[in-house]
């Protein structure tokens, strides 16, 4: 890693940390920065995960009251997240670099789609389930199963899992966005934490890049949280969506047209 690469990765992580503290989507910045910096696609994914994970864990404390209000149904979701995240990480490490490179543009497209239309999807899902009048026990079992699938995907790639979880929790009739975000933050921390353990034990992390980016992400996350009230969240989301679209196009061209 050259000094110039270190500077680019630091500032990429700083921007990503700030975005995550306001609207999410930080991996749209860190992942491409690592790939363009010469890190293999799978190792870029693992290194990006560990770079942004401390910020995710730190944000759990901000939702402690909301999490406490939902503690009754917390454990089944936690277990599903832990198992799914672990299995997803193992699946990633068993995937050949070339295969993952071919999947990557489609994963970025999915993540961008979920980030863009996640709220509409959540509202549509909730309306459909409400009209179906399913028993609460059936809904809860379905959400736990869905949490496992989301965690499996999250351990493998991770982009868009926040929007997936918000849609899932709406099935339970939750309408308090702060409680939903609290649950989402905890589960995302568990999913990524399980993946991080697998990645570290497997030696899949590029540590020099990871350490540089952890520092940038922490600074960016703190600054983003400090100045969040001065930022227009709509504009921030528009910026993240634009970045996601641009990166998706770049990786499609890079993978299939060159």
C-alpha atoms as a PDB file:
ATOM      1  CA  UNK A   1       0.000   0.000   0.000  1.00  0.00           C
ATOM      2  CA  UNK A   2       1.508   3.301  -1.120  1.00  0.00           C
ATOM      3  CA  UNK A   3       1.186   6.537   0.889  1.00  0.00           C
ATOM      4  CA  UNK A   4      -1.187   7.875  -1.767  1.00  0.00           C
ATOM      5  CA  UNK A   5      -3.386   4.758  -1.496  1.00  0.00           C
ATOM      6  CA  UNK A   6      -3.435   5.130   2.287  1.00  0.00           C
ATOM      7  CA  UNK A   7      -4.604   8.738   2.000  1.00  0.00           C
ATOM      8  CA  UNK A   8      -7.334   7.817  -0.505  1.00  0.00           C
ATOM      9  CA  UNK A   9      -8.571   4.930   1.653  1.00  0.00           C
ATOM     10  CA  UNK A  10      -8.552   7.069   4.786  1.00  0.00           C
ATOM     11  CA  UNK A  11     -10.699   9.762   3.223  1.00  0.00           C
ATOM     12  CA  UNK A  12     -12.960   7.197   1.529  1.00  0.00           C
ATOM     13  CA  UNK A  13     -13.588   5.600   4.926  1.00  0.00           C
ATOM     14  CA  UNK A  14     -14.121   9.004   6.515  1.00  0.00           C
ATOM     15  CA  UNK A  15     -16.807   9.850   3.943  1.00  0.00           C
ATOM     16  CA  UNK A  16     -18.337   6.379   4.386  1.00  0.00           C
ATOM     17  CA  UNK A  17     -18.435   6.749   8.165  1.00  0.00           C
ATOM     18  CA  UNK A  18     -20.160  10.105   7.840  1.00  0.00           C
ATOM     19  CA  UNK A  19     -22.717   8.691   5.372  1.00  0.00           C
ATOM     20  CA  UNK A  20     -23.466   5.730   7.632  1.00  0.00           C
ATOM     21  CA  UNK A  21     -24.142   8.032  10.560  1.00  0.00           C
ATOM     22  CA  UNK A  22     -26.694  10.013   8.531  1.00  0.00           C
ATOM     23  CA  UNK A  23     -28.274   7.796   5.880  1.00  0.00           C
ATOM     24  CA  UNK A  24     -26.237   4.612   5.341  1.00  0.00           C
ATOM     25  CA  UNK A  25     -24.617   3.386   2.139  1.00  0.00           C
ATOM     26  CA  UNK A  26     -21.007   3.809   3.249  1.00  0.00           C
ATOM     27  CA  UNK A  27     -19.918   0.566   1.605  1.00  0.00           C
ATOM     28  CA  UNK A  28     -20.630   2.152  -1.796  1.00  0.00           C
ATOM     29  CA  UNK A  29     -17.540   4.276  -1.049  1.00  0.00           C
ATOM     30  CA  UNK A  30     -15.190   1.911   0.806  1.00  0.00           C
ATOM     31  CA  UNK A  31     -15.611  -1.175  -1.361  1.00  0.00           C
ATOM     32  CA  UNK A  32     -14.795   0.425  -4.738  1.00  0.00           C
ATOM     33  CA  UNK A  33     -11.933   2.361  -3.147  1.00  0.00           C
ATOM     34  CA  UNK A  34     -10.340  -0.916  -2.048  1.00  0.00           C
ATOM     35  CA  UNK A  35     -10.924  -2.632  -5.415  1.00  0.00           C
ATOM     36  CA  UNK A  36      -9.505   0.318  -7.357  1.00  0.00           C
ATOM     37  CA  UNK A  37      -6.596   0.313  -4.905  1.00  0.00           C
ATOM     38  CA  UNK A  38      -5.637  -3.173  -6.052  1.00  0.00           C
ATOM     39  CA  UNK A  39      -7.258  -5.335  -3.357  1.00  0.00           C
ATOM     40  CA  UNK A  40      -8.854  -8.552  -4.756  1.00  0.00           C
ATOM     41  CA  UNK A  41     -12.655  -8.362  -4.873  1.00  0.00           C
ATOM     42  CA  UNK A  42     -13.356 -10.814  -2.028  1.00  0.00           C
ATOM     43  CA  UNK A  43     -10.675  -9.337   0.223  1.00  0.00           C
ATOM     44  CA  UNK A  44     -12.021  -5.875  -0.552  1.00  0.00           C
ATOM     45  CA  UNK A  45     -15.388  -7.058   0.743  1.00  0.00           C
ATOM     46  CA  UNK A  46     -13.918  -8.534   3.940  1.00  0.00           C
ATOM     47  CA  UNK A  47     -11.701  -5.508   4.564  1.00  0.00           C
ATOM     48  CA  UNK A  48     -14.559  -3.056   3.957  1.00  0.00           C
ATOM     49  CA  UNK A  49     -16.700  -4.974   6.445  1.00  0.00           C
ATOM     50  CA  UNK A  50     -14.146  -4.788   9.232  1.00  0.00           C
ATOM     51  CA  UNK A  51     -13.397  -1.131   8.459  1.00  0.00           C
ATOM     52  CA  UNK A  52     -17.027  -0.058   8.949  1.00  0.00           C
ATOM     53  CA  UNK A  53     -18.032  -2.506  11.695  1.00  0.00           C
ATOM     54  CA  UNK A  54     -16.727  -0.503  14.717  1.00  0.00           C
ATOM     55  CA  UNK A  55     -18.903   2.442  13.720  1.00  0.00           C
ATOM     56  CA  UNK A  56     -21.936   0.176  13.515  1.00  0.00           C
ATOM     57  CA  UNK A  57     -21.267  -1.211  16.985  1.00  0.00           C
ATOM     58  CA  UNK A  58     -20.740   2.260  18.419  1.00  0.00           C
ATOM     59  CA  UNK A  59     -24.109   3.427  17.111  1.00  0.00           C
ATOM     60  CA  UNK A  60     -25.943   0.684  19.047  1.00  0.00           C
ATOM     61  CA  UNK A  61     -25.619   2.724  22.235  1.00  0.00           C
ATOM     62  CA  UNK A  62     -27.648   5.547  20.728  1.00  0.00           C
ATOM     63  CA  UNK A  63     -30.644   3.191  20.464  1.00  0.00           C
ATOM     64  CA  UNK A  64     -30.387   1.491  23.866  1.00  0.00           C
ATOM     65  CA  UNK A  65     -33.824   2.704  25.018  1.00  0.00           C
ATOM     66  CA  UNK A  66     -35.512   1.624  21.785  1.00  0.00           C
ATOM     67  CA  UNK A  67     -33.750  -1.749  21.914  1.00  0.00           C
ATOM     68  CA  UNK A  68     -34.851  -2.293  25.526  1.00  0.00           C
ATOM     69  CA  UNK A  69     -38.460  -1.741  24.467  1.00  0.00           C
ATOM     70  CA  UNK A  70     -38.158  -4.627  21.982  1.00  0.00           C
ATOM     71  CA  UNK A  71     -36.130  -7.020  24.148  1.00  0.00           C
ATOM     72  CA  UNK A  72     -38.916  -9.631  24.322  1.00  0.00           C
ATOM     73  CA  UNK A  73     -38.453 -10.670  20.694  1.00  0.00           C
ATOM     74  CA  UNK A  74     -34.744  -9.895  20.486  1.00  0.00           C
ATOM     75  CA  UNK A  75     -33.114 -13.289  21.067  1.00  0.00           C
ATOM     76  CA  UNK A  76     -34.604 -15.267  18.152  1.00  0.00           C
ATOM     77  CA  UNK A  77     -33.562 -12.483  15.772  1.00  0.00           C
ATOM     78  CA  UNK A  78     -30.086 -12.333  17.327  1.00  0.00           C
ATOM     79  CA  UNK A  79     -29.589 -16.083  16.925  1.00  0.00           C
ATOM     80  CA  UNK A  80     -30.816 -15.996  13.312  1.00  0.00           C
ATOM     81  CA  UNK A  81     -28.444 -13.067  12.616  1.00  0.00           C
ATOM     82  CA  UNK A  82     -25.467 -14.798  14.223  1.00  0.00           C
ATOM     83  CA  UNK A  83     -25.932 -18.090  12.390  1.00  0.00           C
ATOM     84  CA  UNK A  84     -26.803 -16.489   9.058  1.00  0.00           C
ATOM     85  CA  UNK A  85     -23.932 -14.000   9.178  1.00  0.00           C
ATOM     86  CA  UNK A  86     -21.442 -16.759  10.000  1.00  0.00           C
ATOM     87  CA  UNK A  87     -22.657 -19.043   7.206  1.00  0.00           C
ATOM     88  CA  UNK A  88     -22.719 -16.161   4.713  1.00  0.00           C
ATOM     89  CA  UNK A  89     -19.114 -15.286   5.530  1.00  0.00           C
ATOM     90  CA  UNK A  90     -18.022 -18.915   5.076  1.00  0.00           C
ATOM     91  CA  UNK A  91     -19.884 -19.000   1.747  1.00  0.00           C
ATOM     92  CA  UNK A  92     -18.051 -15.862   0.598  1.00  0.00           C
ATOM     93  CA  UNK A  93     -14.654 -17.348   1.419  1.00  0.00           C
ATOM     94  CA  UNK A  94     -15.521 -20.506  -0.537  1.00  0.00           C
ATOM     95  CA  UNK A  95     -16.410 -18.460  -3.620  1.00  0.00           C
ATOM     96  CA  UNK A  96     -13.647 -18.102  -6.255  1.00  0.00           C
ATOM     97  CA  UNK A  97     -12.455 -14.543  -6.830  1.00  0.00           C
ATOM     98  CA  UNK A  98     -13.449 -14.687 -10.506  1.00  0.00           C
ATOM     99  CA  UNK A  99     -16.969 -15.888  -9.702  1.00  0.00           C
ATOM    100  CA  UNK A 100     -17.466 -13.162  -7.096  1.00  0.00           C
ATOM    101  CA  UNK A 101     -16.163 -10.567  -9.562  1.00  0.00           C
ATOM    102  CA  UNK A 102     -18.890 -11.617 -12.016  1.00  0.00           C
ATOM    103  CA  UNK A 103     -21.548 -11.484  -9.290  1.00  0.00           C
ATOM    104  CA  UNK A 104     -20.395  -8.121  -7.960  1.00  0.00           C
ATOM    105  CA  UNK A 105     -22.159  -5.795 -10.463  1.00  0.00           C
ATOM    106  CA  UNK A 106     -25.456  -7.562  -9.767  1.00  0.00           C
ATOM    107  CA  UNK A 107     -24.912  -7.346  -5.999  1.00  0.00           C
ATOM    108  CA  UNK A 108     -24.226  -3.613  -6.320  1.00  0.00           C
ATOM    109  CA  UNK A 109     -27.348  -3.246  -8.453  1.00  0.00           C
ATOM    110  CA  UNK A 110     -29.428  -5.048  -5.821  1.00  0.00           C
ATOM    111  CA  UNK A 111     -27.971  -2.948  -3.010  1.00  0.00           C
ATOM    112  CA  UNK A 112     -28.628   0.280  -4.928  1.00  0.00           C
ATOM    113  CA  UNK A 113     -32.196  -0.818  -5.710  1.00  0.00           C
ATOM    114  CA  UNK A 114     -32.891  -1.644  -2.064  1.00  0.00           C
ATOM    115  CA  UNK A 115     -31.400   1.616  -0.861  1.00  0.00           C
ATOM    116  CA  UNK A 116     -33.459   3.580  -3.389  1.00  0.00           C
ATOM    117  CA  UNK A 117     -36.812   1.838  -3.025  1.00  0.00           C
ATOM    118  CA  UNK A 118     -36.523   0.286   0.440  1.00  0.00           C
ATOM    119  CA  UNK A 119     -39.155   2.524   2.030  1.00  0.00           C
ATOM    120  CA  UNK A 120     -41.706   1.839  -0.707  1.00  0.00           C
ATOM    121  CA  UNK A 121     -41.015  -1.896  -0.507  1.00  0.00           C
ATOM    122  CA  UNK A 122     -41.484  -1.817   3.265  1.00  0.00           C
ATOM    123  CA  UNK A 123     -44.816  -0.009   2.969  1.00  0.00           C
ATOM    124  CA  UNK A 124     -46.022  -2.375   0.244  1.00  0.00           C
ATOM    125  CA  UNK A 125     -45.038  -5.468   2.223  1.00  0.00           C
ATOM    126  CA  UNK A 126     -46.741  -4.195   5.333  1.00  0.00           C
ATOM    127  CA  UNK A 127     -49.948  -3.403   3.443  1.00  0.00           C
ATOM    128  CA  UNK A 128     -50.011  -6.837   1.791  1.00  0.00           C
ATOM    129  CA  UNK A 129     -49.468  -8.725   5.050  1.00  0.00           C
ATOM    130  CA  UNK A 130     -52.011  -6.577   6.872  1.00  0.00           C
ATOM    131  CA  UNK A 131     -54.658  -7.470   4.297  1.00  0.00           C
ATOM    132  CA  UNK A 132     -53.766 -11.170   4.612  1.00  0.00           C
ATOM    133  CA  UNK A 133     -54.589 -11.164   8.365  1.00  0.00           C
ATOM    134  CA  UNK A 134     -52.005 -13.828   9.281  1.00  0.00           C
ATOM    135  CA  UNK A 135     -51.705 -15.025  12.915  1.00  0.00           C
ATOM    136  CA  UNK A 136     -49.014 -13.203  14.963  1.00  0.00           C
ATOM    137  CA  UNK A 137     -47.120 -16.469  15.601  1.00  0.00           C
ATOM    138  CA  UNK A 138     -46.924 -17.147  11.859  1.00  0.00           C
ATOM    139  CA  UNK A 139     -45.700 -13.620  11.175  1.00  0.00           C
ATOM    140  CA  UNK A 140     -43.024 -13.846  13.865  1.00  0.00           C
ATOM    141  CA  UNK A 141     -41.782 -17.215  12.567  1.00  0.00           C
ATOM    142  CA  UNK A 142     -41.689 -15.788   9.066  1.00  0.00           C
ATOM    143  CA  UNK A 143     -39.723 -12.727  10.171  1.00  0.00           C
ATOM    144  CA  UNK A 144     -37.184 -14.898  12.021  1.00  0.00           C
ATOM    145  CA  UNK A 145     -36.729 -17.022   8.881  1.00  0.00           C
ATOM    146  CA  UNK A 146     -36.420 -13.862   6.791  1.00  0.00           C
ATOM    147  CA  UNK A 147     -33.857 -12.474   9.257  1.00  0.00           C
ATOM    148  CA  UNK A 148     -31.764 -15.599   8.722  1.00  0.00           C
ATOM    149  CA  UNK A 149     -31.876 -15.152   4.925  1.00  0.00           C
ATOM    150  CA  UNK A 150     -30.957 -11.469   5.263  1.00  0.00           C
ATOM    151  CA  UNK A 151     -28.075 -12.377   7.583  1.00  0.00           C
ATOM    152  CA  UNK A 152     -26.855 -15.023   5.128  1.00  0.00           C
ATOM    153  CA  UNK A 153     -26.780 -12.400   2.387  1.00  0.00           C
ATOM    154  CA  UNK A 154     -25.248  -9.895   4.803  1.00  0.00           C
ATOM    155  CA  UNK A 155     -22.349 -12.175   5.682  1.00  0.00           C
ATOM    156  CA  UNK A 156     -21.760 -12.777   1.970  1.00  0.00           C
ATOM    157  CA  UNK A 157     -21.966  -9.172   0.773  1.00  0.00           C
ATOM    158  CA  UNK A 158     -24.053  -6.911   3.004  1.00  0.00           C
ATOM    159  CA  UNK A 159     -25.174  -4.052   0.789  1.00  0.00           C
ATOM    160  CA  UNK A 160     -28.815  -3.158   1.434  1.00  0.00           C
ATOM    161  CA  UNK A 161     -29.400  -5.325   4.511  1.00  0.00           C
ATOM    162  CA  UNK A 162     -30.645  -2.330   6.483  1.00  0.00           C
ATOM    163  CA  UNK A 163     -33.519  -1.762   4.077  1.00  0.00           C
ATOM    164  CA  UNK A 164     -34.283  -5.496   4.005  1.00  0.00           C
ATOM    165  CA  UNK A 165     -34.556  -5.599   7.785  1.00  0.00           C
ATOM    166  CA  UNK A 166     -36.819  -2.547   7.959  1.00  0.00           C
ATOM    167  CA  UNK A 167     -39.150  -4.239   5.475  1.00  0.00           C
ATOM    168  CA  UNK A 168     -39.070  -7.434   7.557  1.00  0.00           C
ATOM    169  CA  UNK A 169     -39.848  -5.684  10.839  1.00  0.00           C
ATOM    170  CA  UNK A 170     -42.796  -3.921   9.266  1.00  0.00           C
ATOM    171  CA  UNK A 171     -44.360  -7.382   8.942  1.00  0.00           C
ATOM    172  CA  UNK A 172     -44.582  -7.473  12.732  1.00  0.00           C
ATOM    173  CA  UNK A 173     -46.679  -4.331  12.705  1.00  0.00           C
ATOM    174  CA  UNK A 174     -43.848  -2.125  13.924  1.00  0.00           C
ATOM    175  CA  UNK A 175     -44.356   1.503  12.971  1.00  0.00           C
ATOM    176  CA  UNK A 176     -41.955   3.269  15.345  1.00  0.00           C
ATOM    177  CA  UNK A 177     -39.031   4.050  13.037  1.00  0.00           C
ATOM    178  CA  UNK A 178     -36.666   4.624  15.972  1.00  0.00           C
ATOM    179  CA  UNK A 179     -37.346   1.162  17.417  1.00  0.00           C
ATOM    180  CA  UNK A 180     -37.034  -0.354  13.952  1.00  0.00           C
ATOM    181  CA  UNK A 181     -33.722   1.413  13.404  1.00  0.00           C
ATOM    182  CA  UNK A 182     -32.563   0.255  16.824  1.00  0.00           C
ATOM    183  CA  UNK A 183     -33.289  -3.382  15.994  1.00  0.00           C
ATOM    184  CA  UNK A 184     -31.742  -2.962  12.554  1.00  0.00           C
ATOM    185  CA  UNK A 185     -28.558  -1.497  14.039  1.00  0.00           C
ATOM    186  CA  UNK A 186     -28.168  -4.309  16.571  1.00  0.00           C
ATOM    187  CA  UNK A 187     -28.777  -7.040  13.998  1.00  0.00           C
ATOM    188  CA  UNK A 188     -26.444  -5.440  11.461  1.00  0.00           C
ATOM    189  CA  UNK A 189     -23.728  -5.291  14.143  1.00  0.00           C
ATOM    190  CA  UNK A 190     -24.242  -8.980  14.945  1.00  0.00           C
ATOM    191  CA  UNK A 191     -24.287 -10.030  11.275  1.00  0.00           C
ATOM    192  CA  UNK A 192     -21.151  -8.068  10.418  1.00  0.00           C
ATOM    193  CA  UNK A 193     -19.500  -9.027  13.714  1.00  0.00           C
ATOM    194  CA  UNK A 194     -19.995 -12.731  12.983  1.00  0.00           C
ATOM    195  CA  UNK A 195     -18.598 -12.194   9.496  1.00  0.00           C
ATOM    196  CA  UNK A 196     -15.618 -10.254  10.872  1.00  0.00           C
ATOM    197  CA  UNK A 197     -14.693 -13.143  13.199  1.00  0.00           C
ATOM    198  CA  UNK A 198     -14.759 -15.586  10.273  1.00  0.00           C
ATOM    199  CA  UNK A 199     -12.755 -13.227   8.065  1.00  0.00           C
ATOM    200  CA  UNK A 200     -10.112 -12.597  10.734  1.00  0.00           C
ATOM    201  CA  UNK A 201      -9.689 -16.287  11.604  1.00  0.00           C
ATOM    202  CA  UNK A 202      -9.426 -17.124   7.899  1.00  0.00           C
ATOM    203  CA  UNK A 203      -6.733 -14.510   7.261  1.00  0.00           C
ATOM    204  CA  UNK A 204      -8.884 -12.776   4.649  1.00  0.00           C
ATOM    205  CA  UNK A 205      -8.299  -9.206   5.876  1.00  0.00           C
ATOM    206  CA  UNK A 206      -5.824  -6.783   4.320  1.00  0.00           C
ATOM    207  CA  UNK A 207      -4.774  -5.326   7.658  1.00  0.00           C
ATOM    208  CA  UNK A 208      -2.789  -2.216   6.611  1.00  0.00           C
ATOM    209  CA  UNK A 209      -5.757  -1.007   4.556  1.00  0.00           C
ATOM    210  CA  UNK A 210      -8.237  -2.039   7.245  1.00  0.00           C
ATOM    211  CA  UNK A 211      -6.479  -0.135  10.036  1.00  0.00           C
ATOM    212  CA  UNK A 212      -6.190   3.010   7.944  1.00  0.00           C
ATOM    213  CA  UNK A 213      -9.897   2.820   7.098  1.00  0.00           C
ATOM    214  CA  UNK A 214     -11.043   2.112  10.654  1.00  0.00           C
ATOM    215  CA  UNK A 215      -9.446   5.382  11.729  1.00  0.00           C
ATOM    216  CA  UNK A 216     -11.087   7.289   8.895  1.00  0.00           C
ATOM    217  CA  UNK A 217     -14.495   5.695   9.510  1.00  0.00           C
ATOM    218  CA  UNK A 218     -14.427   6.562  13.220  1.00  0.00           C
ATOM    219  CA  UNK A 219     -13.559  10.201  12.509  1.00  0.00           C
ATOM    220  CA  UNK A 220     -16.156  10.416   9.757  1.00  0.00           C
ATOM    221  CA  UNK A 221     -18.826   8.757  11.885  1.00  0.00           C
ATOM    222  CA  UNK A 222     -18.217  11.143  14.767  1.00  0.00           C
ATOM    223  CA  UNK A 223     -18.261  14.178  12.474  1.00  0.00           C
ATOM    224  CA  UNK A 224     -21.372  12.928  10.693  1.00  0.00           C
ATOM    225  CA  UNK A 225     -23.213  12.396  13.970  1.00  0.00           C
ATOM    226  CA  UNK A 226     -22.127  15.815  15.204  1.00  0.00           C
ATOM    227  CA  UNK A 227     -23.297  17.705  12.123  1.00  0.00           C
ATOM    228  CA  UNK A 228     -26.194  15.448  11.126  1.00  0.00           C
ATOM    229  CA  UNK A 229     -28.801  18.003  12.139  1.00  0.00           C
ATOM    230  CA  UNK A 230     -27.298  20.526   9.729  1.00  0.00           C
ATOM    231  CA  UNK A 231     -27.487  18.147   6.769  1.00  0.00           C
ATOM    232  CA  UNK A 232     -30.501  17.519   4.600  1.00  0.00           C
ATOM    233  CA  UNK A 233     -31.022  13.720   4.804  1.00  0.00           C
ATOM    234  CA  UNK A 234     -32.835  13.740   1.459  1.00  0.00           C
ATOM    235  CA  UNK A 235     -29.786  15.266  -0.234  1.00  0.00           C
ATOM    236  CA  UNK A 236     -27.501  12.770   1.490  1.00  0.00           C
ATOM    237  CA  UNK A 237     -29.664   9.868   0.294  1.00  0.00           C
ATOM    238  CA  UNK A 238     -29.650  11.283  -3.225  1.00  0.00           C
ATOM    239  CA  UNK A 239     -25.863  11.453  -3.103  1.00  0.00           C
ATOM    240  CA  UNK A 240     -25.598   7.825  -1.922  1.00  0.00           C
ATOM    241  CA  UNK A 241     -28.028   6.655  -4.632  1.00  0.00           C
ATOM    242  CA  UNK A 242     -26.036   8.520  -7.288  1.00  0.00           C
ATOM    243  CA  UNK A 243     -22.795   6.920  -6.062  1.00  0.00           C
ATOM    244  CA  UNK A 244     -24.446   3.488  -6.027  1.00  0.00           C
ATOM    245  CA  UNK A 245     -25.685   3.919  -9.608  1.00  0.00           C
ATOM    246  CA  UNK A 246     -22.307   5.147 -10.844  1.00  0.00           C
ATOM    247  CA  UNK A 247     -20.417   2.304  -9.157  1.00  0.00           C
ATOM    248  CA  UNK A 248     -22.876  -0.266 -10.500  1.00  0.00           C
ATOM    249  CA  UNK A 249     -22.363   0.983 -14.059  1.00  0.00           C
ATOM    250  CA  UNK A 250     -18.581   1.112 -13.621  1.00  0.00           C
ATOM    251  CA  UNK A 251     -18.405  -2.464 -12.355  1.00  0.00           C
ATOM    252  CA  UNK A 252     -20.713  -3.755 -15.109  1.00  0.00           C
ATOM    253  CA  UNK A 253     -18.468  -2.113 -17.704  1.00  0.00           C
ATOM    254  CA  UNK A 254     -15.308  -3.265 -15.923  1.00  0.00           C
ATOM    255  CA  UNK A 255     -16.520  -6.877 -15.661  1.00  0.00           C
ATOM    256  CA  UNK A 256     -18.436  -7.503 -18.868  1.00  0.00           C
ATOM    257  CA  UNK A 257     -17.389  -4.909 -21.457  1.00  0.00           C
ATOM    258  CA  UNK A 258     -13.626  -4.897 -21.140  1.00  0.00           C
END
